[in-house]
């Protein structure tokens, strides 16, 4: 999943404001909270069939890292 796809999910469904979010934006500064991670987890499962827990998503340091984490799971599902 690309950064733009993650950003779109977070702004459309995760409650984040549609303002500028950069790949290197820390999760807290971008407004990503636990509810946004729940939404992202559910959207990833719906769209890609991947189950990634909110706890694992919360280990990402930035929004770009979220996209990279999801991409790695898609390439090598557990």
PDB file of N, CA and C in Angstrom:
ATOM      1  N   UNK A   1       0.864  -1.171   0.000  1.00  0.00           N
ATOM      2  CA  UNK A   1       0.000   0.000   0.000  1.00  0.00           C
ATOM      3  C   UNK A   1       0.906   1.227   0.000  1.00  0.00           C
ATOM      4  N   UNK A   2       0.545   2.189  -0.806  1.00  0.00           N
ATOM      5  CA  UNK A   2       1.373   3.386  -0.926  1.00  0.00           C
ATOM      6  C   UNK A   2       1.060   4.388   0.185  1.00  0.00           C
ATOM      7  N   UNK A   3       1.974   5.341   0.344  1.00  0.00           N
ATOM      8  CA  UNK A   3       1.750   6.418   1.303  1.00  0.00           C
ATOM      9  C   UNK A   3       0.452   7.149   0.988  1.00  0.00           C
ATOM     10  N   UNK A   4       0.211   7.442  -0.289  1.00  0.00           N
ATOM     11  CA  UNK A   4      -0.999   8.172  -0.681  1.00  0.00           C
ATOM     12  C   UNK A   4      -2.260   7.389  -0.327  1.00  0.00           C
ATOM     13  N   UNK A   5      -2.224   6.065  -0.469  1.00  0.00           N
ATOM     14  CA  UNK A   5      -3.383   5.237  -0.105  1.00  0.00           C
ATOM     15  C   UNK A   5      -3.620   5.270   1.402  1.00  0.00           C
ATOM     16  N   UNK A   6      -2.544   5.165   2.175  1.00  0.00           N
ATOM     17  CA  UNK A   6      -2.667   5.236   3.634  1.00  0.00           C
ATOM     18  C   UNK A   6      -3.209   6.604   4.040  1.00  0.00           C
ATOM     19  N   UNK A   7      -2.663   7.643   3.458  1.00  0.00           N
ATOM     20  CA  UNK A   7      -3.121   9.006   3.754  1.00  0.00           C
ATOM     21  C   UNK A   7      -4.604   9.157   3.424  1.00  0.00           C
ATOM     22  N   UNK A   8      -5.029   8.622   2.282  1.00  0.00           N
ATOM     23  CA  UNK A   8      -6.434   8.720   1.880  1.00  0.00           C
ATOM     24  C   UNK A   8      -7.347   8.009   2.873  1.00  0.00           C
ATOM     25  N   UNK A   9      -6.950   6.841   3.340  1.00  0.00           N
ATOM     26  CA  UNK A   9      -7.753   6.109   4.328  1.00  0.00           C
ATOM     27  C   UNK A   9      -7.832   6.900   5.620  1.00  0.00           C
ATOM     28  N   UNK A  10      -6.696   7.413   6.071  1.00  0.00           N
ATOM     29  CA  UNK A  10      -6.671   8.137   7.343  1.00  0.00           C
ATOM     30  C   UNK A  10      -7.490   9.417   7.293  1.00  0.00           C
ATOM     31  N   UNK A  11      -7.493  10.101   6.152  1.00  0.00           N
ATOM     32  CA  UNK A  11      -8.261  11.344   6.068  1.00  0.00           C
ATOM     33  C   UNK A  11      -9.732  11.083   5.771  1.00  0.00           C
ATOM     34  N   UNK A  12     -10.038  10.077   4.956  1.00  0.00           N
ATOM     35  CA  UNK A  12     -11.435   9.809   4.593  1.00  0.00           C
ATOM     36  C   UNK A  12     -12.186   9.056   5.680  1.00  0.00           C
ATOM     37  N   UNK A  13     -11.504   8.123   6.344  1.00  0.00           N
ATOM     38  CA  UNK A  13     -12.180   7.256   7.298  1.00  0.00           C
ATOM     39  C   UNK A  13     -11.635   7.328   8.716  1.00  0.00           C
ATOM     40  N   UNK A  14     -10.417   7.818   8.871  1.00  0.00           N
ATOM     41  CA  UNK A  14      -9.767   7.784  10.174  1.00  0.00           C
ATOM     42  C   UNK A  14      -9.888   9.049  10.989  1.00  0.00           C
ATOM     43  N   UNK A  15     -10.601  10.034  10.471  1.00  0.00           N
ATOM     44  CA  UNK A  15     -10.827  11.251  11.231  1.00  0.00           C
ATOM     45  C   UNK A  15      -9.713  12.277  11.177  1.00  0.00           C
ATOM     46  N   UNK A  16      -8.707  12.059  10.326  1.00  0.00           N
ATOM     47  CA  UNK A  16      -7.632  13.047  10.221  1.00  0.00           C
ATOM     48  C   UNK A  16      -8.069  14.199   9.336  1.00  0.00           C
ATOM     49  N   UNK A  17      -7.631  15.401   9.669  1.00  0.00           N
ATOM     50  CA  UNK A  17      -7.954  16.539   8.806  1.00  0.00           C
ATOM     51  C   UNK A  17      -7.238  16.376   7.465  1.00  0.00           C
ATOM     52  N   UNK A  18      -7.833  16.871   6.388  1.00  0.00           N
ATOM     53  CA  UNK A  18      -7.234  16.679   5.073  1.00  0.00           C
ATOM     54  C   UNK A  18      -6.034  17.578   4.795  1.00  0.00           C
ATOM     55  N   UNK A  19      -5.488  18.202   5.801  1.00  0.00           N
ATOM     56  CA  UNK A  19      -4.329  19.070   5.629  1.00  0.00           C
ATOM     57  C   UNK A  19      -3.109  18.303   5.178  1.00  0.00           C
ATOM     58  N   UNK A  20      -2.003  18.999   5.051  1.00  0.00           N
ATOM     59  CA  UNK A  20      -0.790  18.354   4.553  1.00  0.00           C
ATOM     60  C   UNK A  20      -0.243  17.318   5.538  1.00  0.00           C
ATOM     61  N   UNK A  21      -0.103  16.115   5.053  1.00  0.00           N
ATOM     62  CA  UNK A  21       0.518  15.030   5.814  1.00  0.00           C
ATOM     63  C   UNK A  21       1.653  14.524   4.941  1.00  0.00           C
ATOM     64  N   UNK A  22       2.852  14.519   5.492  1.00  0.00           N
ATOM     65  CA  UNK A  22       4.015  14.068   4.736  1.00  0.00           C
ATOM     66  C   UNK A  22       4.410  12.671   5.184  1.00  0.00           C
ATOM     67  N   UNK A  23       5.151  11.935   4.348  1.00  0.00           N
ATOM     68  CA  UNK A  23       5.562  10.587   4.732  1.00  0.00           C
ATOM     69  C   UNK A  23       6.361  10.543   6.034  1.00  0.00           C
ATOM     70  N   UNK A  24       7.139  11.594   6.307  1.00  0.00           N
ATOM     71  CA  UNK A  24       7.971  11.577   7.511  1.00  0.00           C
ATOM     72  C   UNK A  24       7.275  12.171   8.730  1.00  0.00           C
ATOM     73  N   UNK A  25       6.000  12.508   8.606  1.00  0.00           N
ATOM     74  CA  UNK A  25       5.263  13.074   9.744  1.00  0.00           C
ATOM     75  C   UNK A  25       5.086  12.019  10.833  1.00  0.00           C
ATOM     76  N   UNK A  26       5.532  12.317  12.060  1.00  0.00           N
ATOM     77  CA  UNK A  26       5.292  11.388  13.163  1.00  0.00           C
ATOM     78  C   UNK A  26       3.786  11.169  13.340  1.00  0.00           C
ATOM     79  N   UNK A  27       3.407   9.975  13.760  1.00  0.00           N
ATOM     80  CA  UNK A  27       1.984   9.645  13.878  1.00  0.00           C
ATOM     81  C   UNK A  27       1.232  10.656  14.730  1.00  0.00           C
ATOM     82  N   UNK A  28       1.767  10.991  15.892  1.00  0.00           N
ATOM     83  CA  UNK A  28       1.066  11.921  16.788  1.00  0.00           C
ATOM     84  C   UNK A  28       0.908  13.293  16.145  1.00  0.00           C
ATOM     85  N   UNK A  29       1.941  13.785  15.493  1.00  0.00           N
ATOM     86  CA  UNK A  29       1.870  15.105  14.870  1.00  0.00           C
ATOM     87  C   UNK A  29       0.873  15.114  13.707  1.00  0.00           C
ATOM     88  N   UNK A  30       0.737  13.987  13.017  1.00  0.00           N
ATOM     89  CA  UNK A  30      -0.210  13.886  11.903  1.00  0.00           C
ATOM     90  C   UNK A  30      -1.638  13.701  12.400  1.00  0.00           C
ATOM     91  N   UNK A  31      -1.793  13.448  13.701  1.00  0.00           N
ATOM     92  CA  UNK A  31      -3.127  13.260  14.258  1.00  0.00           C
ATOM     93  C   UNK A  31      -3.593  11.818  14.265  1.00  0.00           C
ATOM     94  N   UNK A  32      -2.667  10.889  14.042  1.00  0.00           N
ATOM     95  CA  UNK A  32      -3.021   9.469  14.028  1.00  0.00           C
ATOM     96  C   UNK A  32      -3.117   8.988  15.472  1.00  0.00           C
ATOM     97  N   UNK A  33      -4.335   8.644  15.882  1.00  0.00           N
ATOM     98  CA  UNK A  33      -4.556   8.126  17.230  1.00  0.00           C
ATOM     99  C   UNK A  33      -4.974   6.660  17.140  1.00  0.00           C
ATOM    100  N   UNK A  34      -5.309   6.070  18.274  1.00  0.00           N
ATOM    101  CA  UNK A  34      -5.646   4.646  18.295  1.00  0.00           C
ATOM    102  C   UNK A  34      -6.878   4.345  17.443  1.00  0.00           C
ATOM    103  N   UNK A  35      -7.848   5.247  17.413  1.00  0.00           N
ATOM    104  CA  UNK A  35      -9.040   5.016  16.599  1.00  0.00           C
ATOM    105  C   UNK A  35      -8.690   5.027  15.112  1.00  0.00           C
ATOM    106  N   UNK A  36      -7.812   5.925  14.707  1.00  0.00           N
ATOM    107  CA  UNK A  36      -7.385   5.963  13.303  1.00  0.00           C
ATOM    108  C   UNK A  36      -6.661   4.670  12.928  1.00  0.00           C
ATOM    109  N   UNK A  37      -5.891   4.115  13.856  1.00  0.00           N
ATOM    110  CA  UNK A  37      -5.195   2.857  13.588  1.00  0.00           C
ATOM    111  C   UNK A  37      -6.169   1.693  13.482  1.00  0.00           C
ATOM    112  N   UNK A  38      -7.235   1.712  14.280  1.00  0.00           N
ATOM    113  CA  UNK A  38      -8.276   0.682  14.173  1.00  0.00           C
ATOM    114  C   UNK A  38      -8.907   0.747  12.782  1.00  0.00           C
ATOM    115  N   UNK A  39      -9.252   1.945  12.358  1.00  0.00           N
ATOM    116  CA  UNK A  39      -9.854   2.132  11.030  1.00  0.00           C
ATOM    117  C   UNK A  39      -8.893   1.655   9.942  1.00  0.00           C
ATOM    118  N   UNK A  40      -7.631   2.026  10.052  1.00  0.00           N
ATOM    119  CA  UNK A  40      -6.640   1.615   9.061  1.00  0.00           C
ATOM    120  C   UNK A  40      -6.515   0.097   9.028  1.00  0.00           C
ATOM    121  N   UNK A  41      -6.466  -0.534  10.194  1.00  0.00           N
ATOM    122  CA  UNK A  41      -6.369  -1.984  10.275  1.00  0.00           C
ATOM    123  C   UNK A  41      -7.547  -2.653   9.570  1.00  0.00           C
ATOM    124  N   UNK A  42      -8.748  -2.152   9.813  1.00  0.00           N
ATOM    125  CA  UNK A  42      -9.945  -2.718   9.181  1.00  0.00           C
ATOM    126  C   UNK A  42      -9.938  -2.496   7.672  1.00  0.00           C
ATOM    127  N   UNK A  43      -9.511  -1.323   7.236  1.00  0.00           N
ATOM    128  CA  UNK A  43      -9.456  -1.026   5.803  1.00  0.00           C
ATOM    129  C   UNK A  43      -8.410  -1.890   5.090  1.00  0.00           C
ATOM    130  N   UNK A  44      -7.276  -2.114   5.737  1.00  0.00           N
ATOM    131  CA  UNK A  44      -6.239  -2.974   5.154  1.00  0.00           C
ATOM    132  C   UNK A  44      -6.778  -4.393   5.008  1.00  0.00           C
ATOM    133  N   UNK A  45      -7.491  -4.860   6.023  1.00  0.00           N
ATOM    134  CA  UNK A  45      -8.068  -6.204   5.946  1.00  0.00           C
ATOM    135  C   UNK A  45      -9.107  -6.277   4.824  1.00  0.00           C
ATOM    136  N   UNK A  46      -9.979  -5.278   4.728  1.00  0.00           N
ATOM    137  CA  UNK A  46     -11.002  -5.267   3.676  1.00  0.00           C
ATOM    138  C   UNK A  46     -10.397  -5.181   2.282  1.00  0.00           C
ATOM    139  N   UNK A  47      -9.426  -4.316   2.107  1.00  0.00           N
ATOM    140  CA  UNK A  47      -8.872  -4.062   0.773  1.00  0.00           C
ATOM    141  C   UNK A  47      -7.845  -5.094   0.328  1.00  0.00           C
ATOM    142  N   UNK A  48      -7.015  -5.546   1.278  1.00  0.00           N
ATOM    143  CA  UNK A  48      -5.899  -6.417   0.916  1.00  0.00           C
ATOM    144  C   UNK A  48      -5.999  -7.824   1.487  1.00  0.00           C
ATOM    145  N   UNK A  49      -6.946  -8.041   2.392  1.00  0.00           N
ATOM    146  CA  UNK A  49      -7.068  -9.347   3.023  1.00  0.00           C
ATOM    147  C   UNK A  49      -5.968  -9.626   4.031  1.00  0.00           C
ATOM    148  N   UNK A  50      -5.314  -8.575   4.516  1.00  0.00           N
ATOM    149  CA  UNK A  50      -4.222  -8.724   5.480  1.00  0.00           C
ATOM    150  C   UNK A  50      -4.699  -8.344   6.870  1.00  0.00           C
ATOM    151  N   UNK A  51      -4.359  -9.151   7.841  1.00  0.00           N
ATOM    152  CA  UNK A  51      -4.684  -8.818   9.223  1.00  0.00           C
ATOM    153  C   UNK A  51      -3.432  -8.270   9.901  1.00  0.00           C
ATOM    154  N   UNK A  52      -3.463  -6.984  10.174  1.00  0.00           N
ATOM    155  CA  UNK A  52      -2.368  -6.326  10.885  1.00  0.00           C
ATOM    156  C   UNK A  52      -3.003  -5.626  12.076  1.00  0.00           C
ATOM    157  N   UNK A  53      -2.559  -5.982  13.265  1.00  0.00           N
ATOM    158  CA  UNK A  53      -3.175  -5.433  14.473  1.00  0.00           C
ATOM    159  C   UNK A  53      -2.849  -3.956  14.649  1.00  0.00           C
ATOM    160  N   UNK A  54      -3.717  -3.298  15.390  1.00  0.00           N
ATOM    161  CA  UNK A  54      -3.469  -1.899  15.717  1.00  0.00           C
ATOM    162  C   UNK A  54      -2.172  -1.769  16.509  1.00  0.00           C
ATOM    163  N   UNK A  55      -1.893  -2.757  17.364  1.00  0.00           N
ATOM    164  CA  UNK A  55      -0.655  -2.722  18.146  1.00  0.00           C
ATOM    165  C   UNK A  55       0.568  -2.720  17.230  1.00  0.00           C
ATOM    166  N   UNK A  56       0.527  -3.548  16.193  1.00  0.00           N
ATOM    167  CA  UNK A  56       1.665  -3.580  15.273  1.00  0.00           C
ATOM    168  C   UNK A  56       1.744  -2.284  14.470  1.00  0.00           C
ATOM    169  N   UNK A  57       0.595  -1.783  14.017  1.00  0.00           N
ATOM    170  CA  UNK A  57       0.595  -0.521  13.281  1.00  0.00           C
ATOM    171  C   UNK A  57       1.151   0.610  14.139  1.00  0.00           C
ATOM    172  N   UNK A  58       0.888   0.569  15.435  1.00  0.00           N
ATOM    173  CA  UNK A  58       1.336   1.645  16.326  1.00  0.00           C
ATOM    174  C   UNK A  58       2.848   1.660  16.513  1.00  0.00           C
ATOM    175  N   UNK A  59       3.546   0.620  16.063  1.00  0.00           N
ATOM    176  CA  UNK A  59       5.009   0.607  16.173  1.00  0.00           C
ATOM    177  C   UNK A  59       5.662   1.484  15.109  1.00  0.00           C
ATOM    178  N   UNK A  60       4.901   1.881  14.102  1.00  0.00           N
ATOM    179  CA  UNK A  60       5.446   2.751  13.055  1.00  0.00           C
ATOM    180  C   UNK A  60       5.740   4.126  13.641  1.00  0.00           C
ATOM    181  N   UNK A  61       6.851   4.700  13.227  1.00  0.00           N
ATOM    182  CA  UNK A  61       7.239   6.018  13.741  1.00  0.00           C
ATOM    183  C   UNK A  61       6.589   7.151  12.958  1.00  0.00           C
ATOM    184  N   UNK A  62       6.254   6.879  11.690  1.00  0.00           N
ATOM    185  CA  UNK A  62       5.707   7.938  10.839  1.00  0.00           C
ATOM    186  C   UNK A  62       4.617   7.368   9.937  1.00  0.00           C
ATOM    187  N   UNK A  63       3.935   8.253   9.245  1.00  0.00           N
ATOM    188  CA  UNK A  63       2.896   7.819   8.318  1.00  0.00           C
ATOM    189  C   UNK A  63       3.516   7.022   7.169  1.00  0.00           C
ATOM    190  N   UNK A  64       4.670   7.439   6.698  1.00  0.00           N
ATOM    191  CA  UNK A  64       5.375   6.683   5.667  1.00  0.00           C
ATOM    192  C   UNK A  64       5.761   5.294   6.143  1.00  0.00           C
ATOM    193  N   UNK A  65       6.146   5.189   7.416  1.00  0.00           N
ATOM    194  CA  UNK A  65       6.475   3.882   7.988  1.00  0.00           C
ATOM    195  C   UNK A  65       5.250   2.972   8.028  1.00  0.00           C
ATOM    196  N   UNK A  66       4.064   3.549   8.246  1.00  0.00           N
ATOM    197  CA  UNK A  66       2.829   2.753   8.196  1.00  0.00           C
ATOM    198  C   UNK A  66       2.675   2.116   6.818  1.00  0.00           C
ATOM    199  N   UNK A  67       2.864   2.917   5.781  1.00  0.00           N
ATOM    200  CA  UNK A  67       2.742   2.407   4.415  1.00  0.00           C
ATOM    201  C   UNK A  67       3.767   1.307   4.159  1.00  0.00           C
ATOM    202  N   UNK A  68       4.988   1.508   4.625  1.00  0.00           N
ATOM    203  CA  UNK A  68       6.047   0.510   4.440  1.00  0.00           C
ATOM    204  C   UNK A  68       5.728  -0.775   5.194  1.00  0.00           C
ATOM    205  N   UNK A  69       5.227  -0.672   6.404  1.00  0.00           N
ATOM    206  CA  UNK A  69       4.859  -1.842   7.197  1.00  0.00           C
ATOM    207  C   UNK A  69       3.781  -2.647   6.474  1.00  0.00           C
ATOM    208  N   UNK A  70       2.778  -1.966   5.954  1.00  0.00           N
ATOM    209  CA  UNK A  70       1.695  -2.643   5.231  1.00  0.00           C
ATOM    210  C   UNK A  70       2.239  -3.283   3.960  1.00  0.00           C
ATOM    211  N   UNK A  71       3.106  -2.578   3.251  1.00  0.00           N
ATOM    212  CA  UNK A  71       3.702  -3.122   2.024  1.00  0.00           C
ATOM    213  C   UNK A  71       4.491  -4.396   2.304  1.00  0.00           C
ATOM    214  N   UNK A  72       5.265  -4.391   3.395  1.00  0.00           N
ATOM    215  CA  UNK A  72       6.038  -5.590   3.763  1.00  0.00           C
ATOM    216  C   UNK A  72       5.119  -6.762   4.058  1.00  0.00           C
ATOM    217  N   UNK A  73       4.021  -6.513   4.752  1.00  0.00           N
ATOM    218  CA  UNK A  73       3.064  -7.586   5.037  1.00  0.00           C
ATOM    219  C   UNK A  73       2.447  -8.128   3.748  1.00  0.00           C
ATOM    220  N   UNK A  74       2.178  -7.247   2.809  1.00  0.00           N
ATOM    221  CA  UNK A  74       1.575  -7.666   1.543  1.00  0.00           C
ATOM    222  C   UNK A  74       2.542  -8.535   0.738  1.00  0.00           C
ATOM    223  N   UNK A  75       3.830  -8.220   0.817  1.00  0.00           N
ATOM    224  CA  UNK A  75       4.838  -8.981   0.084  1.00  0.00           C
ATOM    225  C   UNK A  75       5.136 -10.319   0.729  1.00  0.00           C
ATOM    226  N   UNK A  76       5.038 -10.373   2.042  1.00  0.00           N
ATOM    227  CA  UNK A  76       5.411 -11.580   2.779  1.00  0.00           C
ATOM    228  C   UNK A  76       4.404 -11.830   3.895  1.00  0.00           C
ATOM    229  N   UNK A  77       3.158 -12.221   3.548  1.00  0.00           N
ATOM    230  CA  UNK A  77       2.159 -12.431   4.601  1.00  0.00           C
ATOM    231  C   UNK A  77       2.571 -13.563   5.534  1.00  0.00           C
ATOM    232  N   UNK A  78       2.282 -13.374   6.801  1.00  0.00           N
ATOM    233  CA  UNK A  78       2.661 -14.377   7.815  1.00  0.00           C
ATOM    234  C   UNK A  78       1.736 -15.565   7.775  1.00  0.00           C
TER     235      UNK A  78
END
